Amino acid sequence: MSGLVGAILLIAAMLFPFLAMPLLWRRMKRVRDHAYDKSPPPKRETAWEEKLETRDGLNLVHTHETDENLMGLGDRSRHPHWPLSNQ
């Protein structure tokens, strides 16, 4: 009888992660989406340009512009649909 109880407990302990993980994953996705909806939109930096004059009379220009394609990739990775999408 004690062997049967031990086997049942062992099987229950092995199945628990497989039963609990989808439930916890759904809750995590709900909480994450709620937090992203409540968060303020990201502030984009304004484009700027820096000019340096050298002794040779050449002007060096360094520009900084935000890359919207790169920003879109970051936003896409923030809302993944992998490995589970049980909505």
Protein backbone atom coordinates (compact mmCIF):
# COMPACT_ATOMS: atom_id res chain seq x y z
CA MET A 1 0.00 0.00 0.00
CA SER A 2 2.79 2.44 0.83
CA GLY A 3 4.41 1.62 -2.52
CA LEU A 4 1.22 2.63 -4.32
CA VAL A 5 1.02 5.94 -2.42
CA GLY A 6 4.67 6.63 -3.19
CA ALA A 7 4.13 5.90 -6.90
CA ILE A 8 1.10 8.23 -6.99
CA LEU A 9 3.09 11.01 -5.30
CA LEU A 10 5.98 10.51 -7.70
CA ILE A 11 3.71 10.67 -10.75
CA ALA A 12 1.93 13.75 -9.36
CA ALA A 13 5.27 15.47 -8.74
CA MET A 14 6.36 14.71 -12.31
CA LEU A 15 3.11 15.97 -13.86
CA PHE A 16 2.80 19.15 -11.76
CA PRO A 17 5.16 21.33 -13.88
CA PHE A 18 3.40 20.31 -17.09
CA LEU A 19 0.02 21.24 -15.65
CA ALA A 20 1.07 24.44 -13.89
CA MET A 21 3.30 25.95 -16.57
CA PRO A 22 0.58 26.80 -19.15
CA LEU A 23 -1.51 28.45 -16.44
CA LEU A 24 1.43 30.49 -15.16
CA TRP A 25 2.46 31.38 -18.72
CA ARG A 26 -1.00 32.78 -19.51
CA ARG A 27 -0.99 34.86 -16.34
CA MET A 28 2.49 36.19 -17.10
CA LYS A 29 1.40 37.23 -20.58
CA ARG A 30 -1.71 38.98 -19.21
CA VAL A 31 0.31 40.88 -16.60
CA ARG A 32 2.99 41.83 -19.15
CA ASP A 33 0.43 43.10 -21.66
CA HIS A 34 -1.33 45.08 -18.93
CA ALA A 35 1.98 46.65 -17.88
CA TYR A 36 2.86 47.58 -21.48
CA ASP A 37 -0.58 49.11 -22.02
CA LYS A 38 -0.20 51.27 -18.90
CA SER A 39 3.40 52.32 -19.62
CA PRO A 40 4.04 55.68 -21.28
CA PRO A 41 5.16 55.64 -24.92
CA PRO A 42 8.94 55.63 -25.36
CA LYS A 43 10.54 59.01 -25.90
CA ARG A 44 12.50 59.28 -29.11
CA GLU A 45 15.65 61.34 -29.15
CA THR A 46 15.79 64.24 -31.53
CA ALA A 47 18.26 64.13 -34.38
CA TRP A 48 21.40 66.12 -33.82
CA GLU A 49 24.51 67.03 -35.76
CA GLU A 50 27.97 67.88 -34.51
CA LYS A 51 30.50 69.72 -36.66
CA LEU A 52 34.20 69.78 -35.93
CA GLU A 53 36.72 71.89 -37.75
CA THR A 54 40.20 70.47 -38.12
CA ARG A 55 43.48 72.29 -38.55
CA ASP A 56 43.58 71.26 -42.19
CA GLY A 57 40.42 73.20 -42.93
CA LEU A 58 38.27 70.08 -43.23
CA ASN A 59 34.91 69.88 -41.51
CA LEU A 60 34.01 66.61 -39.81
CA VAL A 61 30.31 66.04 -39.31
CA HIS A 62 28.85 63.46 -36.96
CA THR A 63 25.08 62.99 -37.18
CA HIS A 64 22.73 61.06 -34.97
CA GLU A 65 19.28 60.10 -36.22
CA THR A 66 16.96 57.53 -34.74
CA ASP A 67 16.56 54.41 -36.82
CA GLU A 68 12.82 53.68 -36.98
CA ASN A 69 13.41 50.23 -38.51
CA LEU A 70 15.56 49.28 -35.54
CA MET A 71 12.94 50.67 -33.14
CA GLY A 72 10.31 48.54 -34.85
CA LEU A 73 12.41 45.42 -34.38
CA GLY A 74 12.68 46.16 -30.68
CA ASP A 75 8.93 46.63 -30.41
CA ARG A 76 8.33 43.40 -32.28
CA SER A 77 10.61 41.50 -29.92
CA ARG A 78 8.85 43.04 -26.93
CA HIS A 79 5.60 41.29 -27.91
CA PRO A 80 6.69 37.80 -28.89
CA HIS A 81 4.34 35.00 -29.85
CA TRP A 82 6.87 32.29 -29.20
CA PRO A 83 7.07 29.64 -27.75
CA LEU A 84 3.49 29.67 -26.48
CA SER A 85 0.58 31.76 -27.65
CA ASN A 86 -2.40 30.33 -25.82
CA GLN A 87 -4.70 33.31 -25.70
